[in-house]
Amino acid sequence: MLERVALNQTRLNVPGVAPDSRGVMLGQRGLVLLPTVERLVSFFRVYGDQDSIDELLPTLRINQVKTRLGSREFVVSYGIGSSYQMDRCAGITKMLGGLAFTGTSRHFVKYRDAASPLGYDTDRLLPTGGDLALYHDDFSQAYDEERDIPFRQLVLQLTLRRIPRTAEGLPREAIIAVRPGLSRAVQGYLYRNGVPTGVALAEGATTSSFDEGPRHTYLYRTSDLPERIAELMTATPGVELFVPVGPNVATEYGYRHPIHLPSCLSIFATGGLHLFCGSRDTVDVVDPVPVFSDIRNLTRINVDFEKNPRPHATREASISTIKVPLRLVPTNEPWRRIRGVSIQWERSEWLQHLVYMLPPELLRDTRIHVSKERIVLLGEIGVEAIPLGTLLCNVGDSLLVAAGYGFLPHVNSELLADLVGLEPGELCVFEPSVAQPYILRDTDFQALGRGAVASMLARREPGILAPEHTHDPVRIRYDQLGPFPLWGLPGRSKRGDTP
């Protein structure tokens, strides 16, 4: 039977309980009794949104307990810093349909409420038996502890909740997990777009005896990810986008953990990098935490070793030349300005259909060159939107090279134009699919609208003839002029005659 605690009452039957500075009866620990695991999780969800769970973790214990009648419930116990902290926990517990207690070791009495603002005491203690003894208005019950539930294990086993992606917005900082088959394409794309990125290789343990070996995943940590790239990564199969919520923990974009993870980051301080994947309902732990290397240090290098190297020249031998061939090789350097596109003649019919969809600005500002083997389009703006052929980047004023390729050795554009032998008004194009670069004359280009649209034959209609005039035509007569040139005209009399 419970008794209300009166003001200035210091003698209590429950051991380990005493009034604090506010006069509230408190033990060294607080205890929350919850009937189901769902309400257990809800307790930490609500508490983590308001306060830091890290404050409770040093003294936190979660137990599944069993009564003498065989019913099972969950108990959360923790060290109490003040009655203010206990008030917050008791308010959350009451909202969830649980019960709040306070005590020190085995005996816990009901925490204060509106009926007894200073707390409660019991008139008699339960006899020895059970790991816990709880005293409430309606019951006094002994409980046996069945098993401990580590808080870290509880967090790792919970399923992430799916949320609308528009509710949180696209992340600027992200960790991109990529399967090995897509790693080179994703890495080159991030590097060409100038995204600050760190790269690491994560090795996971095998999950089945049928696996060929450890599972590898490439991780890319970005600090300033553009929205268009974030949208592309979320829509690409084999690529997963994670949003960091702490130094060693991240959740998949579009999902949220039931518990507010930033409030309990201390459980992730050790044990590696934790990636909560909502689409696969798993937690990938990379232990130890991988070291990310700058993506700029992982640029692809091509080395061509000769199968039969030439023997070293003797001192007496004379070297006539050291010239090396110029090579067009793939590169991870950012793309230069796209100025043109080269389309094989076999795809000319595709271009004919595409012309009907092009805007008038592109038809006006883009120039076209047609030959027997290919069609080359040049334009200052918008030509990269033509989804045909090979994109051409501008190198200097008169050189074009396929996008994603560069030259070895790294010669400048002026020297390269001189080596090719370009003349004024000419343009040289380098493509990996063409063994030899080709030169185009500027005078052979014409506007895309004029070069792609066929001429039309128009018929000229004859005009309607005007009716003939009915008045007499003007008569002109030429005579020799005399002393009186105006005499003799119609309506005039001759000299000496009167009209």
Protein backbone atom coordinates (compact mmCIF):
# COMPACT_ATOMS: atom_id res chain seq x y z
CA MET A 1 0.00 0.00 0.00
CA LEU A 2 1.38 3.43 -1.00
CA GLU A 3 1.43 6.46 1.20
CA ARG A 4 1.78 10.06 0.12
CA VAL A 5 4.93 11.81 1.23
CA ALA A 6 4.36 14.90 3.32
CA LEU A 7 6.44 18.05 3.37
CA ASN A 8 9.63 17.73 5.45
CA GLN A 9 9.13 13.98 5.78
CA THR A 10 12.53 12.32 5.95
CA ARG A 11 11.75 8.87 7.33
CA LEU A 12 10.80 6.51 4.46
CA ASN A 13 10.29 2.75 4.22
CA VAL A 14 11.69 2.36 0.69
CA PRO A 15 15.49 2.05 1.00
CA GLY A 16 17.70 4.43 -0.93
CA VAL A 17 15.04 7.15 -1.40
CA ALA A 18 15.44 10.66 -0.01
CA PRO A 19 14.14 14.19 -0.71
CA ASP A 20 16.18 16.37 -3.05
CA SER A 21 16.58 20.14 -2.89
CA ARG A 22 12.99 20.60 -4.10
CA GLY A 23 11.62 18.15 -1.54
CA VAL A 24 10.83 15.49 -4.19
CA MET A 25 11.46 11.89 -3.17
CA LEU A 26 14.23 10.49 -5.40
CA GLY A 27 16.41 7.44 -5.46
CA GLN A 28 19.71 7.10 -7.26
CA ARG A 29 18.02 5.56 -10.29
CA GLY A 30 14.87 6.03 -12.31
CA LEU A 31 12.89 3.15 -13.80
CA VAL A 32 10.33 3.00 -16.62
CA LEU A 33 8.02 0.00 -17.06
CA LEU A 34 6.65 -0.47 -20.61
CA PRO A 35 4.38 -3.29 -21.80
CA THR A 36 5.63 -3.81 -25.40
CA VAL A 37 8.78 -3.38 -27.48
CA GLU A 38 6.98 -0.85 -29.68
CA ARG A 39 6.45 1.45 -26.71
CA LEU A 40 10.04 0.83 -25.64
CA VAL A 41 11.24 2.16 -28.99
CA SER A 42 8.75 5.03 -28.81
CA PHE A 43 10.21 6.07 -25.45
CA PHE A 44 13.67 6.56 -26.98
CA ARG A 45 12.19 8.18 -30.08
CA VAL A 46 10.44 10.86 -28.05
CA TYR A 47 13.29 11.33 -25.58
CA GLY A 48 15.90 11.58 -28.37
CA ASP A 49 13.95 14.33 -30.15
CA GLN A 50 13.97 16.47 -27.00
CA ASP A 51 17.20 15.58 -25.18
CA SER A 52 20.44 13.71 -25.70
CA ILE A 53 20.27 9.96 -25.13
CA ASP A 54 24.06 10.04 -24.68
CA GLU A 55 23.43 11.50 -21.20
CA LEU A 56 21.62 8.29 -20.19
CA LEU A 57 23.91 5.75 -21.85
CA PRO A 58 26.64 5.51 -19.15
CA THR A 59 24.07 4.23 -16.61
CA LEU A 60 21.36 2.91 -18.97
CA ARG A 61 20.06 -0.66 -18.68
CA ILE A 62 17.29 -2.24 -20.73
CA ASN A 63 15.87 -5.52 -19.46
CA GLN A 64 13.08 -7.86 -20.43
CA VAL A 65 11.42 -8.93 -17.17
CA LYS A 66 8.96 -11.66 -16.29
CA THR A 67 6.32 -11.70 -13.55
CA ARG A 68 5.34 -14.63 -11.38
CA LEU A 69 2.30 -15.11 -13.64
CA GLY A 70 4.47 -15.44 -16.77
CA SER A 71 3.74 -12.06 -18.40
CA ARG A 72 6.68 -10.21 -19.92
CA GLU A 73 7.40 -6.48 -19.97
CA PHE A 74 10.33 -4.17 -20.57
CA VAL A 75 12.19 -2.11 -18.00
CA VAL A 76 14.43 0.88 -18.69
CA SER A 77 16.53 2.02 -15.73
CA TYR A 78 19.06 4.86 -15.59
CA GLY A 79 20.91 7.09 -13.17
CA ILE A 80 19.07 10.26 -12.13
CA GLY A 81 20.84 13.59 -12.18
CA SER A 82 17.92 15.65 -10.87
CA SER A 83 14.17 15.59 -10.42
CA TYR A 84 13.85 17.72 -13.56
CA GLN A 85 15.27 14.91 -15.65
CA MET A 86 12.98 12.42 -13.91
CA ASP A 87 9.99 14.68 -14.63
CA ARG A 88 10.75 14.57 -18.36
CA CYS A 89 11.03 10.77 -18.38
CA ALA A 90 7.88 10.36 -16.32
CA GLY A 91 5.91 12.62 -18.66
CA ILE A 92 6.99 10.64 -21.73
CA THR A 93 6.23 7.34 -19.99
CA LYS A 94 2.73 8.43 -18.95
CA MET A 95 1.97 9.53 -22.53
CA LEU A 96 2.98 6.06 -23.79
CA GLY A 97 0.89 4.19 -21.24
CA GLY A 98 3.82 3.13 -19.06
CA LEU A 99 4.69 3.60 -15.40
CA ALA A 100 7.56 5.57 -13.83
CA PHE A 101 9.35 4.58 -10.61
CA THR A 102 12.33 5.72 -8.60
CA GLY A 103 14.64 3.78 -6.27
CA THR A 104 18.22 2.66 -5.78
CA SER A 105 18.86 -1.08 -6.04
CA ARG A 106 15.99 -3.58 -5.89
CA HIS A 107 13.02 -1.61 -4.53
CA PHE A 108 11.41 1.07 -6.73
CA VAL A 109 8.39 3.14 -5.71
CA LYS A 110 5.99 5.10 -7.91
CA TYR A 111 7.31 8.52 -8.91
CA ARG A 112 5.38 11.63 -7.95
CA ASP A 113 2.26 12.79 -9.80
CA ALA A 114 -0.44 15.43 -9.41
CA ALA A 115 -2.03 13.53 -6.52
CA SER A 116 1.22 13.51 -4.54
CA PRO A 117 3.59 16.28 -5.77
CA LEU A 118 6.42 15.14 -3.46
CA GLY A 119 6.26 11.44 -4.24
CA TYR A 120 5.19 8.19 -2.60
CA ASP A 121 6.32 5.69 0.03
CA THR A 122 5.16 2.17 0.86
CA ASP A 123 3.99 0.84 4.18
CA ARG A 124 5.60 -2.56 3.72
CA LEU A 125 8.30 -4.10 1.52
CA LEU A 126 7.91 -7.26 -0.52
CA PRO A 127 9.70 -10.31 0.85
CA THR A 128 12.90 -11.50 -0.71
CA GLY A 129 12.36 -12.92 -4.20
CA GLY A 130 12.76 -11.54 -7.70
CA ASP A 131 15.33 -9.16 -9.12
CA LEU A 132 13.03 -6.12 -8.95
CA ALA A 133 10.24 -5.04 -6.60
CA LEU A 134 7.90 -2.33 -7.89
CA TYR A 135 5.38 -0.50 -5.70
CA HIS A 136 2.37 1.22 -7.31
CA ASP A 137 -1.14 2.32 -6.39
CA ASP A 138 -2.73 -0.79 -7.90
CA PHE A 139 -0.09 -3.41 -7.25
CA SER A 140 3.13 -4.41 -5.62
CA GLN A 141 4.93 -6.84 -7.89
CA ALA A 142 8.23 -8.68 -8.00
CA TYR A 143 9.93 -9.22 -11.40
CA ASP A 144 12.66 -11.55 -12.62
CA GLU A 145 15.14 -10.29 -15.21
CA GLU A 146 15.16 -12.53 -18.28
CA ARG A 147 17.71 -10.89 -20.51
CA ASP A 148 19.59 -7.66 -21.07
CA ILE A 149 19.02 -5.73 -24.29
CA PRO A 150 22.05 -3.58 -25.23
CA PHE A 151 20.96 -0.20 -26.54
CA ARG A 152 23.35 -0.49 -29.49
CA GLN A 153 21.80 -3.82 -30.48
CA LEU A 154 18.33 -2.27 -30.30
CA VAL A 155 19.37 0.60 -32.60
CA LEU A 156 21.02 -1.69 -35.17
CA GLN A 157 18.02 -4.03 -35.39
CA LEU A 158 15.36 -1.40 -36.03
CA THR A 159 13.95 -0.97 -39.55
CA LEU A 160 14.31 2.43 -41.18
CA ARG A 161 11.17 4.38 -42.06
CA ARG A 162 10.62 5.63 -45.59
CA ILE A 163 9.94 9.36 -45.87
CA PRO A 164 9.13 11.62 -48.85
CA ARG A 165 12.37 12.73 -50.45
CA THR A 166 11.02 16.24 -50.93
CA ALA A 167 10.61 16.55 -47.15
CA GLU A 168 14.36 16.57 -46.45
CA GLY A 169 15.79 17.93 -49.70
CA LEU A 170 18.81 16.71 -51.59
CA PRO A 171 21.97 16.42 -49.47
CA ARG A 172 25.07 18.53 -50.07
CA GLU A 173 27.27 16.18 -48.03
CA ALA A 174 26.86 12.51 -48.92
CA ILE A 175 28.51 9.11 -48.99
CA ILE A 176 27.98 7.28 -52.28
CA ALA A 177 28.29 3.48 -52.18
CA VAL A 178 29.03 2.03 -55.63
CA ARG A 179 29.37 -1.54 -56.83
CA PRO A 180 32.79 -2.36 -58.37
CA GLY A 181 31.39 -2.57 -61.92
CA LEU A 182 30.23 1.06 -61.81
CA SER A 183 33.06 2.55 -59.76
CA ARG A 184 35.21 3.74 -62.68
CA ALA A 185 32.29 5.46 -64.41
CA VAL A 186 31.08 7.17 -61.21
CA GLN A 187 34.61 8.20 -60.24
CA GLY A 188 35.30 9.72 -63.65
CA TYR A 189 31.95 11.52 -63.63
CA LEU A 190 32.56 13.09 -60.21
CA TYR A 191 36.09 14.10 -61.17
CA ARG A 192 35.07 15.69 -64.49
CA ASN A 193 32.39 17.74 -62.76
CA GLY A 194 34.84 19.03 -60.16
CA VAL A 195 33.04 17.60 -57.11
CA PRO A 196 35.33 17.53 -54.01
CA THR A 197 35.45 13.80 -53.31
CA GLY A 198 37.32 11.30 -51.17
CA VAL A 199 37.54 7.66 -52.30
CA ALA A 200 37.84 4.50 -50.19
CA LEU A 201 37.45 0.77 -50.77
CA ALA A 202 35.28 -1.07 -48.24
CA GLU A 203 35.65 -4.82 -47.85
CA GLY A 204 32.74 -6.72 -46.31
CA ALA A 205 32.70 -10.22 -44.90
CA THR A 206 31.11 -13.05 -46.89
CA THR A 207 27.50 -13.79 -45.97
CA SER A 208 27.33 -17.25 -47.52
CA SER A 209 29.63 -20.19 -48.20
CA PHE A 210 28.72 -19.83 -51.88
CA ASP A 211 30.26 -16.36 -52.12
CA GLU A 212 33.37 -16.18 -54.26
CA GLY A 213 35.16 -13.94 -51.80
CA PRO A 214 34.84 -10.77 -49.72
CA ARG A 215 32.28 -8.26 -50.95
CA HIS A 216 33.87 -5.01 -52.14
CA THR A 217 32.19 -1.63 -52.30
CA TYR A 218 33.66 1.72 -53.37
CA LEU A 219 32.76 4.64 -51.12
CA TYR A 220 32.84 8.26 -52.30
CA ARG A 221 32.53 10.96 -49.62
CA THR A 222 31.50 14.30 -51.14
CA SER A 223 31.37 17.68 -49.42
CA ASP A 224 29.60 19.81 -52.04
CA LEU A 225 27.39 17.58 -54.20
CA PRO A 226 25.28 19.43 -56.85
CA GLU A 227 21.56 18.61 -56.84
CA ARG A 228 21.56 17.31 -60.42
CA ILE A 229 24.29 14.77 -59.55
CA ALA A 230 22.49 13.75 -56.35
CA GLU A 231 19.31 13.09 -58.35
CA LEU A 232 21.29 11.06 -60.88
CA MET A 233 22.89 8.93 -58.17
CA THR A 234 19.57 8.15 -56.50
CA ALA A 235 18.11 7.00 -59.84
CA THR A 236 21.04 4.77 -60.88
CA PRO A 237 20.81 1.05 -60.03
CA GLY A 238 23.86 -0.22 -58.16
CA VAL A 239 24.47 3.19 -56.56
CA GLU A 240 23.27 4.07 -53.04
CA LEU A 241 23.28 7.58 -51.59
CA PHE A 242 23.75 7.98 -47.83
CA VAL A 243 23.33 11.14 -45.76
CA PRO A 244 25.81 11.50 -42.85
CA VAL A 245 24.20 12.10 -39.45
CA GLY A 246 27.45 11.83 -37.53
CA PRO A 247 31.18 11.20 -37.99
CA ASN A 248 30.78 7.41 -38.33
CA VAL A 249 27.11 6.90 -39.21
CA ALA A 250 24.93 7.65 -42.24
CA THR A 251 21.40 6.72 -43.35
CA GLU A 252 20.20 6.10 -46.89
CA TYR A 253 18.64 9.10 -48.59
CA GLY A 254 14.84 8.83 -48.46
CA TYR A 255 14.86 6.93 -45.14
CA ARG A 256 15.02 7.87 -41.47
CA HIS A 257 15.89 5.84 -38.40
CA PRO A 258 13.10 5.51 -35.81
CA ILE A 259 15.44 6.86 -33.12
CA HIS A 260 17.06 10.27 -33.53
CA LEU A 261 20.62 9.06 -34.21
CA PRO A 262 22.41 12.40 -33.57
CA SER A 263 21.24 12.13 -29.93
CA CYS A 264 23.12 8.82 -29.39
CA LEU A 265 26.30 9.13 -31.45
CA SER A 266 28.44 7.72 -28.64
CA ILE A 267 27.40 4.15 -29.56
CA PHE A 268 29.03 4.67 -32.99
CA ALA A 269 32.28 6.13 -31.68
CA THR A 270 33.91 2.71 -32.07
CA GLY A 271 33.11 -0.19 -34.33
CA GLY A 272 33.69 1.33 -37.76
CA LEU A 273 31.56 3.22 -40.26
CA HIS A 274 27.83 2.38 -40.03
CA LEU A 275 25.69 2.69 -43.17
CA PHE A 276 21.96 2.18 -42.55
CA CYS A 277 20.40 1.00 -45.84
CA GLY A 278 16.61 1.25 -45.90
CA SER A 279 16.07 -0.30 -49.34
CA ARG A 280 17.90 -3.51 -48.30
CA ASP A 281 16.92 -3.29 -44.60
CA THR A 282 20.50 -3.87 -43.50
CA VAL A 283 23.30 -2.11 -41.66
CA ASP A 284 26.67 -2.25 -43.38
CA VAL A 285 29.52 -1.84 -40.89
CA VAL A 286 32.92 -0.99 -42.37
CA ASP A 287 35.49 -1.77 -39.68
CA PRO A 288 37.90 -0.10 -39.31
CA VAL A 289 36.74 3.28 -40.56
CA PRO A 290 38.16 3.60 -44.09
CA VAL A 291 40.69 6.26 -44.97
CA PHE A 292 39.42 8.40 -47.85
CA SER A 293 41.92 9.52 -50.49
CA ASP A 294 41.50 12.57 -52.69
CA ILE A 295 39.98 11.62 -56.03
CA ARG A 296 42.56 13.79 -57.80
CA ASN A 297 45.29 11.40 -56.65
CA LEU A 298 43.60 8.48 -58.39
CA THR A 299 43.76 9.80 -61.96
CA ARG A 300 44.20 7.06 -64.52
CA ILE A 301 47.75 6.73 -65.91
CA ASN A 302 48.45 4.93 -69.18
CA VAL A 303 51.89 3.44 -69.78
CA ASP A 304 52.77 1.67 -73.04
CA PHE A 305 55.63 -0.79 -72.57
CA GLU A 306 57.25 -2.09 -75.70
CA LYS A 307 57.34 -5.86 -76.03
CA ASN A 308 60.83 -5.80 -77.58
CA PRO A 309 62.71 -2.87 -76.10
CA ARG A 310 65.55 -1.52 -78.15
CA PRO A 311 69.07 -2.26 -76.88
CA HIS A 312 71.00 0.53 -75.28
CA ALA A 313 72.98 2.54 -77.76
CA THR A 314 76.75 2.34 -77.55
CA ARG A 315 78.90 5.36 -77.22
CA GLU A 316 79.92 5.14 -80.86
CA ALA A 317 76.31 5.06 -82.10
CA SER A 318 74.85 8.35 -83.22
CA ILE A 319 71.22 9.20 -82.46
CA SER A 320 69.55 10.88 -85.43
CA THR A 321 66.18 11.62 -83.80
CA ILE A 322 64.24 11.29 -80.54
CA LYS A 323 60.79 11.99 -81.99
CA VAL A 324 57.90 10.07 -80.42
CA PRO A 325 54.40 9.60 -81.88
CA LEU A 326 51.52 11.68 -80.56
CA ARG A 327 48.90 9.51 -78.86
CA LEU A 328 45.24 10.11 -78.11
CA VAL A 329 44.49 8.46 -74.72
CA PRO A 330 41.54 8.44 -72.27
CA THR A 331 41.82 10.91 -69.41
CA ASN A 332 39.94 11.75 -66.21
CA GLU A 333 40.52 15.48 -66.56
CA PRO A 334 37.41 17.72 -66.56
CA TRP A 335 35.86 18.18 -69.98
CA ARG A 336 36.57 21.36 -71.83
CA ARG A 337 33.86 23.38 -73.57
CA ILE A 338 31.78 21.20 -75.92
CA ARG A 339 31.84 22.80 -79.34
CA GLY A 340 30.84 20.08 -81.80
CA VAL A 341 29.64 16.56 -82.42
CA SER A 342 30.78 14.04 -85.03
CA ILE A 343 28.11 11.68 -86.41
CA GLN A 344 28.87 8.65 -88.55
CA TRP A 345 27.15 8.64 -91.93
CA GLU A 346 25.29 5.46 -90.96
CA ARG A 347 23.32 7.54 -88.45
CA SER A 348 22.42 10.33 -90.85
CA GLU A 349 18.83 9.11 -90.96
CA TRP A 350 18.62 9.54 -87.20
CA LEU A 351 19.78 13.12 -87.58
CA GLN A 352 17.07 13.73 -90.19
CA HIS A 353 14.39 12.73 -87.69
CA LEU A 354 16.04 14.76 -84.94
CA VAL A 355 16.03 17.98 -87.00
CA TYR A 356 12.26 18.21 -86.58
CA MET A 357 12.69 18.40 -82.78
CA LEU A 358 15.50 21.00 -82.62
CA PRO A 359 14.65 24.54 -81.47
CA PRO A 360 15.00 27.41 -83.94
CA GLU A 361 18.01 28.85 -82.08
CA LEU A 362 19.95 25.63 -82.62
CA LEU A 363 19.04 25.51 -86.32
CA ARG A 364 20.19 29.09 -86.71
CA ASP A 365 23.42 29.07 -84.66
CA THR A 366 24.71 25.53 -85.46
CA ARG A 367 26.75 24.85 -88.61
CA ILE A 368 26.95 21.55 -90.47
CA HIS A 369 29.62 19.86 -92.59
CA VAL A 370 28.63 16.81 -94.64
CA SER A 371 31.12 14.35 -96.17
CA LYS A 372 30.96 10.77 -97.41
CA GLU A 373 32.01 9.30 -94.05
CA ARG A 374 30.57 11.58 -91.37
CA ILE A 375 28.56 14.64 -90.46
CA VAL A 376 30.15 17.28 -88.20
CA LEU A 377 28.04 19.85 -86.34
CA LEU A 378 29.59 22.96 -84.77
CA GLY A 379 27.89 25.35 -82.37
CA GLU A 380 28.75 27.62 -79.47
CA ILE A 381 25.74 26.75 -77.28
CA GLY A 382 23.42 23.73 -77.19
CA VAL A 383 25.25 21.35 -79.50
CA GLU A 384 25.91 18.95 -76.58
CA ALA A 385 22.15 18.32 -76.45
CA ILE A 386 22.30 16.37 -79.72
CA PRO A 387 22.34 12.71 -78.53
CA LEU A 388 24.22 11.31 -81.52
CA GLY A 389 27.85 10.59 -82.32
CA THR A 390 30.95 11.72 -80.46
CA LEU A 391 31.12 14.98 -78.51
CA LEU A 392 34.04 17.21 -79.47
CA CYS A 393 35.80 19.54 -77.02
CA ASN A 394 37.53 22.72 -78.02
CA VAL A 395 41.36 22.70 -77.78
CA GLY A 396 42.71 26.05 -78.82
CA ASP A 397 41.07 27.95 -81.68
CA SER A 398 41.27 25.39 -84.48
CA LEU A 399 41.49 21.95 -82.79
CA LEU A 400 38.74 19.61 -81.63
CA VAL A 401 39.26 16.40 -79.62
CA ALA A 402 36.77 13.75 -78.51
CA ALA A 403 35.39 14.37 -75.02
CA GLY A 404 37.18 12.35 -72.34
CA TYR A 405 40.44 12.11 -74.31
CA GLY A 406 43.74 13.94 -74.24
CA PHE A 407 47.17 13.92 -75.80
CA LEU A 408 50.44 12.28 -74.81
CA PRO A 409 52.86 13.99 -74.70
CA HIS A 410 51.02 17.04 -73.26
CA VAL A 411 51.75 19.54 -76.03
CA ASN A 412 50.04 22.91 -76.24
CA SER A 413 47.47 23.76 -78.91
CA GLU A 414 49.77 26.12 -80.87
CA LEU A 415 52.46 23.48 -81.26
CA LEU A 416 49.87 20.84 -82.14
CA ALA A 417 48.35 23.02 -84.85
CA ASP A 418 51.82 23.57 -86.28
CA LEU A 419 52.57 19.82 -86.23
CA VAL A 420 49.35 19.05 -88.09
CA GLY A 421 50.05 21.78 -90.63
CA LEU A 422 46.86 23.76 -90.27
CA GLU A 423 46.29 26.77 -92.46
CA PRO A 424 44.05 29.76 -91.72
CA GLY A 425 40.37 28.88 -92.06
CA GLU A 426 40.87 25.15 -91.33
CA LEU A 427 39.82 22.95 -88.43
CA CYS A 428 41.42 19.65 -87.29
CA VAL A 429 39.42 16.93 -85.49
CA PHE A 430 40.86 14.06 -83.37
CA GLU A 431 38.66 11.01 -82.70
CA PRO A 432 39.69 7.69 -81.09
CA SER A 433 37.72 5.70 -83.67
CA VAL A 434 39.58 7.38 -86.55
CA ALA A 435 43.18 6.33 -87.11
CA GLN A 436 44.22 9.68 -88.58
CA PRO A 437 42.94 13.17 -87.69
CA TYR A 438 41.01 14.93 -90.43
CA ILE A 439 40.90 18.58 -91.46
CA LEU A 440 37.75 20.53 -92.36
CA ARG A 441 37.61 23.87 -94.16
CA ASP A 442 35.53 26.60 -92.60
CA THR A 443 34.08 27.54 -95.99
CA ASP A 444 32.51 24.06 -96.33
CA PHE A 445 30.25 24.65 -93.31
CA GLN A 446 26.78 26.12 -93.64
CA ALA A 447 23.93 26.84 -91.26
CA LEU A 448 22.15 23.71 -90.03
CA GLY A 449 18.77 25.06 -91.08
CA ARG A 450 19.98 25.65 -94.66
CA GLY A 451 22.03 22.48 -94.88
CA ALA A 452 19.45 20.11 -93.39
CA VAL A 453 16.17 21.42 -94.82
CA ALA A 454 15.55 20.47 -98.46
CA SER A 455 14.72 23.10 -101.09
CA MET A 456 11.10 23.47 -102.18
CA LEU A 457 9.89 23.93 -105.78
CA ALA A 458 7.40 26.76 -105.98
CA ARG A 459 5.15 27.42 -109.02
CA ARG A 460 4.75 30.98 -110.24
CA GLU A 461 1.18 31.95 -111.05
CA PRO A 462 0.61 34.26 -114.12
CA GLY A 463 -0.97 37.66 -113.39
CA ILE A 464 -4.34 38.89 -114.79
CA LEU A 465 -3.91 41.35 -117.74
CA ALA A 466 -5.31 44.90 -117.35
CA PRO A 467 -8.17 46.02 -119.81
CA GLU A 468 -7.25 48.10 -122.91
CA HIS A 469 -7.59 51.94 -122.80
CA THR A 470 -10.56 53.40 -124.80
CA HIS A 471 -9.16 56.93 -125.46
CA ASP A 472 -7.16 57.81 -128.56
CA PRO A 473 -3.42 57.49 -128.35
CA VAL A 474 -1.27 60.62 -128.24
CA ARG A 475 -0.03 61.74 -131.69
CA ILE A 476 3.43 63.27 -132.02
CA ARG A 477 4.61 65.02 -135.19
CA TYR A 478 8.07 66.37 -135.83
CA ASP A 479 8.36 69.41 -138.30
CA GLN A 480 11.09 71.85 -138.98
CA LEU A 481 10.89 74.79 -136.64
CA GLY A 482 10.32 78.23 -138.31
CA PRO A 483 10.26 81.74 -136.96
CA PHE A 484 6.87 81.03 -135.39
CA PRO A 485 7.16 77.48 -134.02
CA LEU A 486 3.79 77.40 -132.25
CA TRP A 487 1.76 78.23 -135.38
CA GLY A 488 0.09 75.36 -137.05
CA LEU A 489 -0.65 73.33 -133.87
CA PRO A 490 -4.21 72.01 -133.42
CA GLY A 491 -6.41 74.80 -132.11
CA ARG A 492 -4.04 77.54 -133.34
CA SER A 493 -4.57 79.66 -136.50
CA LYS A 494 -1.90 80.44 -139.01
CA ARG A 495 -0.45 83.91 -139.43
CA GLY A 496 -3.04 86.34 -140.66
CA ASP A 497 -5.97 84.02 -139.90
CA THR A 498 -8.36 84.71 -137.14
CA PRO A 499 -9.74 81.90 -135.07
